[in-house]
């Protein structure tokens, strides 16, 4: 849910392993209408609970980007937030977890704040 409105990406969800700042990360991307949520976290994480950062500085942070309008406009980032990984197996590609976060403009230009709750995923890395 984003501000108490159900976010349903249907089949518009992907999970890939990629490199950011020299670190292997998992990128989960989900799109619903014009909205997009992207969750990035290090592929070295194990099951457990992790705090989120506002941006990627070193490539080892957990960050979520929220774009209400995928075609442009402000990109809001997680600050604060929490990721709970309940399953991660890079051999099989299995990923499962939940997340919540507050999304705000990291440049502080736009004062809009979004509350993202009940985030959940069960995916296989492509």
C-alpha atoms as a PDB file:
ATOM      1  CA  UNK A   1       0.000   0.000   0.000  1.00  0.00           C
ATOM      2  CA  UNK A   2       1.136   3.505  -0.792  1.00  0.00           C
ATOM      3  CA  UNK A   3      -0.674   6.045   1.401  1.00  0.00           C
ATOM      4  CA  UNK A   4      -3.347   3.393   2.107  1.00  0.00           C
ATOM      5  CA  UNK A   5      -3.956   2.749  -1.623  1.00  0.00           C
ATOM      6  CA  UNK A   6      -3.295  -0.809  -2.827  1.00  0.00           C
ATOM      7  CA  UNK A   7      -0.298  -1.018  -5.186  1.00  0.00           C
ATOM      8  CA  UNK A   8      -0.764  -4.034  -7.456  1.00  0.00           C
ATOM      9  CA  UNK A   9       1.947  -4.588 -10.055  1.00  0.00           C
ATOM     10  CA  UNK A  10       0.384  -7.849 -11.258  1.00  0.00           C
ATOM     11  CA  UNK A  11       3.001  -9.462 -13.492  1.00  0.00           C
ATOM     12  CA  UNK A  12       4.981  -6.224 -13.885  1.00  0.00           C
ATOM     13  CA  UNK A  13       7.667  -7.321 -11.403  1.00  0.00           C
ATOM     14  CA  UNK A  14      11.263  -8.285 -12.119  1.00  0.00           C
ATOM     15  CA  UNK A  15      14.215  -9.289  -9.965  1.00  0.00           C
ATOM     16  CA  UNK A  16      17.764  -9.205 -11.310  1.00  0.00           C
ATOM     17  CA  UNK A  17      21.279  -9.327  -9.926  1.00  0.00           C
ATOM     18  CA  UNK A  18      23.377  -6.368 -11.074  1.00  0.00           C
ATOM     19  CA  UNK A  19      26.378  -4.292  -9.980  1.00  0.00           C
ATOM     20  CA  UNK A  20      26.225  -0.903  -8.220  1.00  0.00           C
ATOM     21  CA  UNK A  21      29.388   0.899  -7.108  1.00  0.00           C
ATOM     22  CA  UNK A  22      31.316  -2.350  -7.623  1.00  0.00           C
ATOM     23  CA  UNK A  23      28.984  -4.403  -5.391  1.00  0.00           C
ATOM     24  CA  UNK A  24      26.599  -7.173  -6.455  1.00  0.00           C
ATOM     25  CA  UNK A  25      23.039  -6.111  -5.631  1.00  0.00           C
ATOM     26  CA  UNK A  26      19.546  -7.454  -6.138  1.00  0.00           C
ATOM     27  CA  UNK A  27      17.185  -5.063  -7.928  1.00  0.00           C
ATOM     28  CA  UNK A  28      13.457  -5.708  -7.633  1.00  0.00           C
ATOM     29  CA  UNK A  29      11.351  -3.467  -9.856  1.00  0.00           C
ATOM     30  CA  UNK A  30       7.540  -3.278  -9.805  1.00  0.00           C
ATOM     31  CA  UNK A  31       5.255  -1.092 -11.917  1.00  0.00           C
ATOM     32  CA  UNK A  32       1.547  -0.420 -11.472  1.00  0.00           C
ATOM     33  CA  UNK A  33       0.032   2.051 -13.916  1.00  0.00           C
ATOM     34  CA  UNK A  34       2.389   5.044 -13.834  1.00  0.00           C
ATOM     35  CA  UNK A  35       3.848   4.176 -10.412  1.00  0.00           C
ATOM     36  CA  UNK A  36       7.163   2.381  -9.967  1.00  0.00           C
ATOM     37  CA  UNK A  37       8.895   0.947  -6.897  1.00  0.00           C
ATOM     38  CA  UNK A  38      12.517  -0.226  -7.055  1.00  0.00           C
ATOM     39  CA  UNK A  39      14.126  -2.051  -4.138  1.00  0.00           C
ATOM     40  CA  UNK A  40      17.915  -2.527  -4.122  1.00  0.00           C
ATOM     41  CA  UNK A  41      19.905  -4.514  -1.588  1.00  0.00           C
ATOM     42  CA  UNK A  42      23.302  -6.256  -1.497  1.00  0.00           C
ATOM     43  CA  UNK A  43      23.231  -9.838  -2.759  1.00  0.00           C
ATOM     44  CA  UNK A  44      25.442 -10.736   0.227  1.00  0.00           C
ATOM     45  CA  UNK A  45      22.549 -10.243   2.672  1.00  0.00           C
ATOM     46  CA  UNK A  46      21.153 -13.261   4.475  1.00  0.00           C
ATOM     47  CA  UNK A  47      17.755 -13.681   6.087  1.00  0.00           C
ATOM     48  CA  UNK A  48      17.167 -10.999   8.697  1.00  0.00           C
ATOM     49  CA  UNK A  49      16.010  -7.434   9.275  1.00  0.00           C
ATOM     50  CA  UNK A  50      17.782  -4.462   7.690  1.00  0.00           C
ATOM     51  CA  UNK A  51      17.364  -0.705   7.907  1.00  0.00           C
ATOM     52  CA  UNK A  52      17.078   1.352   4.740  1.00  0.00           C
ATOM     53  CA  UNK A  53      19.162   4.271   3.541  1.00  0.00           C
ATOM     54  CA  UNK A  54      18.167   7.350   1.613  1.00  0.00           C
ATOM     55  CA  UNK A  55      20.610   6.746  -1.229  1.00  0.00           C
ATOM     56  CA  UNK A  56      23.339   4.489  -2.520  1.00  0.00           C
ATOM     57  CA  UNK A  57      26.773   5.749  -1.559  1.00  0.00           C
ATOM     58  CA  UNK A  58      28.858   2.600  -1.512  1.00  0.00           C
ATOM     59  CA  UNK A  59      26.554  -0.007  -3.080  1.00  0.00           C
ATOM     60  CA  UNK A  60      26.052  -1.914   0.158  1.00  0.00           C
ATOM     61  CA  UNK A  61      22.950  -0.053   1.342  1.00  0.00           C
ATOM     62  CA  UNK A  62      19.291  -1.112   1.224  1.00  0.00           C
ATOM     63  CA  UNK A  63      17.403   1.582  -0.704  1.00  0.00           C
ATOM     64  CA  UNK A  64      13.942   1.911  -2.232  1.00  0.00           C
ATOM     65  CA  UNK A  65      13.069   4.376  -4.987  1.00  0.00           C
ATOM     66  CA  UNK A  66       9.424   5.360  -5.499  1.00  0.00           C
ATOM     67  CA  UNK A  67       8.255   7.180  -8.620  1.00  0.00           C
ATOM     68  CA  UNK A  68       4.579   8.193  -8.666  1.00  0.00           C
ATOM     69  CA  UNK A  69       5.027   9.067 -12.363  1.00  0.00           C
ATOM     70  CA  UNK A  70       7.377   6.601 -14.036  1.00  0.00           C
ATOM     71  CA  UNK A  71       7.809   8.935 -17.030  1.00  0.00           C
ATOM     72  CA  UNK A  72       9.318  11.777 -15.018  1.00  0.00           C
ATOM     73  CA  UNK A  73       8.954  13.948 -11.985  1.00  0.00           C
ATOM     74  CA  UNK A  74      10.400  13.457  -8.534  1.00  0.00           C
ATOM     75  CA  UNK A  75      11.983  10.209  -7.380  1.00  0.00           C
ATOM     76  CA  UNK A  76      11.358   9.663  -3.679  1.00  0.00           C
ATOM     77  CA  UNK A  77      13.647   7.492  -1.571  1.00  0.00           C
ATOM     78  CA  UNK A  78      13.340   5.421   1.575  1.00  0.00           C
ATOM     79  CA  UNK A  79      14.042   7.382   4.725  1.00  0.00           C
ATOM     80  CA  UNK A  80      13.544   5.573   7.079  1.00  0.00           C
ATOM     81  CA  UNK A  81      12.509   2.038   6.221  1.00  0.00           C
ATOM     82  CA  UNK A  82      12.909  -1.640   7.015  1.00  0.00           C
ATOM     83  CA  UNK A  83      13.486  -4.736   4.879  1.00  0.00           C
ATOM     84  CA  UNK A  84      12.880  -8.191   6.320  1.00  0.00           C
ATOM     85  CA  UNK A  85      14.360 -10.977   4.195  1.00  0.00           C
ATOM     86  CA  UNK A  86      12.692 -14.285   5.018  1.00  0.00           C
ATOM     87  CA  UNK A  87      14.345 -16.274   2.199  1.00  0.00           C
ATOM     88  CA  UNK A  88      17.280 -15.637  -0.118  1.00  0.00           C
ATOM     89  CA  UNK A  89      19.014 -18.356  -2.112  1.00  0.00           C
ATOM     90  CA  UNK A  90      21.184 -17.160  -4.989  1.00  0.00           C
ATOM     91  CA  UNK A  91      21.656 -20.736  -6.235  1.00  0.00           C
ATOM     92  CA  UNK A  92      17.935 -21.162  -6.926  1.00  0.00           C
ATOM     93  CA  UNK A  93      17.190 -17.429  -7.262  1.00  0.00           C
ATOM     94  CA  UNK A  94      14.497 -17.621  -4.562  1.00  0.00           C
ATOM     95  CA  UNK A  95      13.710 -14.308  -2.835  1.00  0.00           C
ATOM     96  CA  UNK A  96      11.070 -13.627  -0.223  1.00  0.00           C
ATOM     97  CA  UNK A  97      10.553 -10.717   2.122  1.00  0.00           C
ATOM     98  CA  UNK A  98       8.554  -7.779   3.376  1.00  0.00           C
ATOM     99  CA  UNK A  99       9.243  -4.065   3.640  1.00  0.00           C
ATOM    100  CA  UNK A 100       7.882  -0.750   4.867  1.00  0.00           C
ATOM    101  CA  UNK A 101       9.286   2.723   4.372  1.00  0.00           C
ATOM    102  CA  UNK A 102       8.625   6.429   4.313  1.00  0.00           C
ATOM    103  CA  UNK A 103       9.432   7.940   0.913  1.00  0.00           C
ATOM    104  CA  UNK A 104      10.581  11.536   0.652  1.00  0.00           C
ATOM    105  CA  UNK A 105      12.445  13.751  -1.811  1.00  0.00           C
ATOM    106  CA  UNK A 106      16.176  13.394  -0.971  1.00  0.00           C
ATOM    107  CA  UNK A 107      16.799  16.912  -2.326  1.00  0.00           C
ATOM    108  CA  UNK A 108      14.146  18.382   0.020  1.00  0.00           C
ATOM    109  CA  UNK A 109      12.660  20.380  -2.891  1.00  0.00           C
ATOM    110  CA  UNK A 110       9.304  18.562  -2.791  1.00  0.00           C
ATOM    111  CA  UNK A 111       7.853  18.295   0.733  1.00  0.00           C
ATOM    112  CA  UNK A 112       5.512  15.425  -0.234  1.00  0.00           C
ATOM    113  CA  UNK A 113       5.934  12.285   1.869  1.00  0.00           C
ATOM    114  CA  UNK A 114       4.548   8.836   1.036  1.00  0.00           C
ATOM    115  CA  UNK A 115       3.999   5.989   3.514  1.00  0.00           C
ATOM    116  CA  UNK A 116       4.574   2.563   2.010  1.00  0.00           C
ATOM    117  CA  UNK A 117       3.253  -0.311   4.112  1.00  0.00           C
ATOM    118  CA  UNK A 118       2.627  -4.040   3.690  1.00  0.00           C
ATOM    119  CA  UNK A 119       5.252  -4.393   0.954  1.00  0.00           C
ATOM    120  CA  UNK A 120       5.870  -8.067   0.185  1.00  0.00           C
ATOM    121  CA  UNK A 121       7.572 -10.145  -2.485  1.00  0.00           C
ATOM    122  CA  UNK A 122       8.113 -13.779  -3.403  1.00  0.00           C
ATOM    123  CA  UNK A 123      10.214 -13.905  -6.557  1.00  0.00           C
ATOM    124  CA  UNK A 124      12.849 -15.749  -8.521  1.00  0.00           C
ATOM    125  CA  UNK A 125      15.838 -13.760  -9.793  1.00  0.00           C
ATOM    126  CA  UNK A 126      15.902 -13.701 -13.599  1.00  0.00           C
END
